[in-house]
Amino acid sequence: MKILVGYDGSHRAENALTLALSHAKAFEAMVVIVTSLQQSPTLHNIDIEKAQSELEYLRTPFNVEGIECDAQVSVSYRTPGEDLVHFAQENRIGCIFIGLKKRSPLGKLVFGSTAQYVILKAPCPVISVR
């Protein structure tokens, strides 16, 4: 089984990582941590390098526990939600863990909701964490 964790650097994403670690131990699963960055003129190589560095650090607890863990930055023209769902489809992911931020209906309309998109479109179960 493969577990995907959508990581954006937030406290909620940290909570999703912690829960994914316990599930990976219980189910002897591989974990893939993905940070999705949307390609734009304001995205610079230093942003990508910073995200990669942070992801390498996040692998440490998984390595200590002997859990296979891959971490990668995905840069595409898709929104982060679309990118995570696409990644799950392409890599036969069994479960997705994602941090959930409460937004007003207007906030969802204006800014969208990555978690909502993933929950509605994912090809596998999604566990949302606050």
C-alpha atoms as a PDB file:
ATOM      1  CA  MET A   1       0.000   0.000   0.000  1.00  0.00           C
ATOM      2  CA  LYS A   2       1.161   3.531  -0.774  1.00  0.00           C
ATOM      3  CA  ILE A   3       0.145   6.550   1.275  1.00  0.00           C
ATOM      4  CA  LEU A   4       0.319  10.043  -0.221  1.00  0.00           C
ATOM      5  CA  VAL A   5       0.702  13.064   2.047  1.00  0.00           C
ATOM      6  CA  GLY A   6       0.037  16.464   0.497  1.00  0.00           C
ATOM      7  CA  TYR A   7       2.428  18.820   2.256  1.00  0.00           C
ATOM      8  CA  ASP A   8       2.254  22.619   2.133  1.00  0.00           C
ATOM      9  CA  GLY A   9       4.300  23.559   5.197  1.00  0.00           C
ATOM     10  CA  SER A  10       1.285  24.305   7.374  1.00  0.00           C
ATOM     11  CA  HIS A  11       0.569  23.053  10.882  1.00  0.00           C
ATOM     12  CA  ARG A  12      -2.292  20.990   9.448  1.00  0.00           C
ATOM     13  CA  ALA A  13       0.099  19.305   7.008  1.00  0.00           C
ATOM     14  CA  GLU A  14       2.407  18.474   9.930  1.00  0.00           C
ATOM     15  CA  ASN A  15      -0.558  16.802  11.649  1.00  0.00           C
ATOM     16  CA  ALA A  16      -1.299  14.851   8.462  1.00  0.00           C
ATOM     17  CA  LEU A  17       2.334  13.646   8.389  1.00  0.00           C
ATOM     18  CA  THR A  18       2.134  12.476  11.992  1.00  0.00           C
ATOM     19  CA  LEU A  19      -1.050  10.518  11.321  1.00  0.00           C
ATOM     20  CA  ALA A  20       0.367   9.082   8.085  1.00  0.00           C
ATOM     21  CA  LEU A  21       3.412   7.861  10.026  1.00  0.00           C
ATOM     22  CA  SER A  22       1.237   5.919  12.459  1.00  0.00           C
ATOM     23  CA  HIS A  23      -0.848   4.448   9.614  1.00  0.00           C
ATOM     24  CA  ALA A  24       2.272   3.476   7.686  1.00  0.00           C
ATOM     25  CA  LYS A  25       3.587   1.620  10.743  1.00  0.00           C
ATOM     26  CA  ALA A  26       0.279  -0.153  11.281  1.00  0.00           C
ATOM     27  CA  PHE A  27      -0.203  -1.179   7.645  1.00  0.00           C
ATOM     28  CA  GLU A  28       3.453  -1.548   6.621  1.00  0.00           C
ATOM     29  CA  ALA A  29       2.876   1.029   3.899  1.00  0.00           C
ATOM     30  CA  MET A  30       5.183   3.194   1.853  1.00  0.00           C
ATOM     31  CA  VAL A  31       4.735   6.950   2.259  1.00  0.00           C
ATOM     32  CA  VAL A  32       5.128   9.538  -0.476  1.00  0.00           C
ATOM     33  CA  ILE A  33       5.248  13.173   0.633  1.00  0.00           C
ATOM     34  CA  VAL A  34       4.451  15.619  -2.159  1.00  0.00           C
ATOM     35  CA  THR A  35       4.645  19.385  -2.218  1.00  0.00           C
ATOM     36  CA  SER A  36       2.848  20.757  -5.254  1.00  0.00           C
ATOM     37  CA  LEU A  37       4.023  24.082  -6.626  1.00  0.00           C
ATOM     38  CA  GLN A  38       2.112  25.720  -9.432  1.00  0.00           C
ATOM     39  CA  GLN A  39       4.276  26.952 -12.311  1.00  0.00           C
ATOM     40  CA  SER A  40       4.128  30.732 -12.611  1.00  0.00           C
ATOM     41  CA  PRO A  41       6.377  33.706 -13.377  1.00  0.00           C
ATOM     42  CA  THR A  42       6.774  34.281  -9.613  1.00  0.00           C
ATOM     43  CA  LEU A  43       8.059  30.749  -8.920  1.00  0.00           C
ATOM     44  CA  HIS A  44      11.849  30.732  -8.700  1.00  0.00           C
ATOM     45  CA  ASN A  45      14.420  27.962  -8.448  1.00  0.00           C
ATOM     46  CA  ILE A  46      15.183  28.983  -4.871  1.00  0.00           C
ATOM     47  CA  ASP A  47      11.540  28.258  -3.943  1.00  0.00           C
ATOM     48  CA  ILE A  48      11.814  24.762  -5.412  1.00  0.00           C
ATOM     49  CA  GLU A  49      15.160  24.128  -3.699  1.00  0.00           C
ATOM     50  CA  LYS A  50      13.757  25.297  -0.354  1.00  0.00           C
ATOM     51  CA  ALA A  51      10.776  22.936  -0.711  1.00  0.00           C
ATOM     52  CA  GLN A  52      13.087  20.022  -1.611  1.00  0.00           C
ATOM     53  CA  SER A  53      15.288  20.728   1.406  1.00  0.00           C
ATOM     54  CA  GLU A  54      12.296  20.791   3.737  1.00  0.00           C
ATOM     55  CA  LEU A  55      10.971  17.529   2.313  1.00  0.00           C
ATOM     56  CA  GLU A  56      14.320  15.808   2.885  1.00  0.00           C
ATOM     57  CA  TYR A  57      14.136  16.844   6.529  1.00  0.00           C
ATOM     58  CA  LEU A  58      10.554  15.509   6.792  1.00  0.00           C
ATOM     59  CA  ARG A  59      11.709  12.032   5.721  1.00  0.00           C
ATOM     60  CA  THR A  60      13.787  11.650   8.901  1.00  0.00           C
ATOM     61  CA  PRO A  61      11.091  10.265  11.247  1.00  0.00           C
ATOM     62  CA  PHE A  62      10.039   7.753   8.604  1.00  0.00           C
ATOM     63  CA  ASN A  63      13.623   6.595   8.101  1.00  0.00           C
ATOM     64  CA  VAL A  64      14.099   6.256  11.868  1.00  0.00           C
ATOM     65  CA  GLU A  65      11.003   4.031  12.033  1.00  0.00           C
ATOM     66  CA  GLY A  66      12.185   1.959   9.060  1.00  0.00           C
ATOM     67  CA  ILE A  67       9.303   3.073   6.854  1.00  0.00           C
ATOM     68  CA  GLU A  68       9.989   3.470   3.153  1.00  0.00           C
ATOM     69  CA  CYS A  69       9.454   7.136   2.330  1.00  0.00           C
ATOM     70  CA  ASP A  70       9.834   9.163  -0.828  1.00  0.00           C
ATOM     71  CA  ALA A  71       9.533  12.946  -0.892  1.00  0.00           C
ATOM     72  CA  GLN A  72       9.258  15.097  -3.961  1.00  0.00           C
ATOM     73  CA  VAL A  73       8.340  18.513  -5.218  1.00  0.00           C
ATOM     74  CA  SER A  74       5.917  18.539  -8.119  1.00  0.00           C
ATOM     75  CA  VAL A  75       5.986  21.631 -10.325  1.00  0.00           C
ATOM     76  CA  SER A  76       3.237  21.847 -12.928  1.00  0.00           C
ATOM     77  CA  TYR A  77       0.609  24.144 -14.399  1.00  0.00           C
ATOM     78  CA  ARG A  78      -2.098  22.260 -12.495  1.00  0.00           C
ATOM     79  CA  THR A  79      -3.536  23.563  -9.244  1.00  0.00           C
ATOM     80  CA  PRO A  80      -2.192  21.754  -6.167  1.00  0.00           C
ATOM     81  CA  GLY A  81      -5.452  19.805  -5.828  1.00  0.00           C
ATOM     82  CA  GLU A  82      -5.390  18.683  -9.450  1.00  0.00           C
ATOM     83  CA  ASP A  83      -1.717  17.816  -9.142  1.00  0.00           C
ATOM     84  CA  LEU A  84      -2.233  15.626  -6.050  1.00  0.00           C
ATOM     85  CA  VAL A  85      -5.154  13.772  -7.641  1.00  0.00           C
ATOM     86  CA  HIS A  86      -3.155  13.252 -10.841  1.00  0.00           C
ATOM     87  CA  PHE A  87      -0.197  11.976  -8.815  1.00  0.00           C
ATOM     88  CA  ALA A  88      -2.471   9.557  -6.930  1.00  0.00           C
ATOM     89  CA  GLN A  89      -3.905   8.208 -10.189  1.00  0.00           C
ATOM     90  CA  GLU A  90      -0.517   7.818 -11.867  1.00  0.00           C
ATOM     91  CA  ASN A  91       1.166   6.142  -8.881  1.00  0.00           C
ATOM     92  CA  ARG A  92      -1.579   3.812  -7.658  1.00  0.00           C
ATOM     93  CA  ILE A  93      -1.894   5.503  -4.275  1.00  0.00           C
ATOM     94  CA  GLY A  94      -4.067   3.651  -1.755  1.00  0.00           C
ATOM     95  CA  CYS A  95      -4.838   6.545   0.601  1.00  0.00           C
ATOM     96  CA  ILE A  96      -4.263  10.305   0.733  1.00  0.00           C
ATOM     97  CA  PHE A  97      -3.649  12.349   3.876  1.00  0.00           C
ATOM     98  CA  ILE A  98      -4.208  16.084   3.597  1.00  0.00           C
ATOM     99  CA  GLY A  99      -4.449  18.999   6.005  1.00  0.00           C
ATOM    100  CA  LEU A 100      -7.820  20.707   6.139  1.00  0.00           C
ATOM    101  CA  LYS A 101      -8.208  24.453   6.585  1.00  0.00           C
ATOM    102  CA  LYS A 102     -11.628  25.820   7.421  1.00  0.00           C
ATOM    103  CA  ARG A 103     -12.736  28.426   4.908  1.00  0.00           C
ATOM    104  CA  SER A 104     -15.907  30.390   4.487  1.00  0.00           C
ATOM    105  CA  PRO A 105     -18.050  29.669   1.415  1.00  0.00           C
ATOM    106  CA  LEU A 106     -16.842  32.971  -0.079  1.00  0.00           C
ATOM    107  CA  GLY A 107     -13.216  32.024   0.602  1.00  0.00           C
ATOM    108  CA  LYS A 108     -13.721  28.714  -1.205  1.00  0.00           C
ATOM    109  CA  LEU A 109     -15.330  30.514  -4.135  1.00  0.00           C
ATOM    110  CA  VAL A 110     -12.564  33.103  -4.454  1.00  0.00           C
ATOM    111  CA  PHE A 111      -9.489  31.055  -3.539  1.00  0.00           C
ATOM    112  CA  GLY A 112     -10.678  27.504  -4.127  1.00  0.00           C
ATOM    113  CA  SER A 113      -9.991  24.644  -1.781  1.00  0.00           C
ATOM    114  CA  THR A 114      -7.235  22.135  -2.412  1.00  0.00           C
ATOM    115  CA  ALA A 115      -8.589  19.750   0.213  1.00  0.00           C
ATOM    116  CA  GLN A 116     -12.130  19.944  -1.166  1.00  0.00           C
ATOM    117  CA  TYR A 117     -10.919  19.173  -4.677  1.00  0.00           C
ATOM    118  CA  VAL A 118      -8.849  16.222  -3.479  1.00  0.00           C
ATOM    119  CA  ILE A 119     -11.679  14.831  -1.348  1.00  0.00           C
ATOM    120  CA  LEU A 120     -14.149  15.014  -4.244  1.00  0.00           C
ATOM    121  CA  LYS A 121     -11.891  13.843  -7.084  1.00  0.00           C
ATOM    122  CA  ALA A 122      -9.372  11.409  -5.577  1.00  0.00           C
ATOM    123  CA  PRO A 123      -9.384   7.822  -6.849  1.00  0.00           C
ATOM    124  CA  CYS A 124      -8.840   6.504  -3.301  1.00  0.00           C
ATOM    125  CA  PRO A 125      -9.883   7.247   0.287  1.00  0.00           C
ATOM    126  CA  VAL A 126      -8.830  10.635   1.631  1.00  0.00           C
ATOM    127  CA  ILE A 127      -8.170  11.324   5.296  1.00  0.00           C
ATOM    128  CA  SER A 128      -8.437  15.002   6.142  1.00  0.00           C
ATOM    129  CA  VAL A 129      -6.647  16.276   9.217  1.00  0.00           C
ATOM    130  CA  ARG A 130      -7.111  19.527  11.113  1.00  0.00           C
END
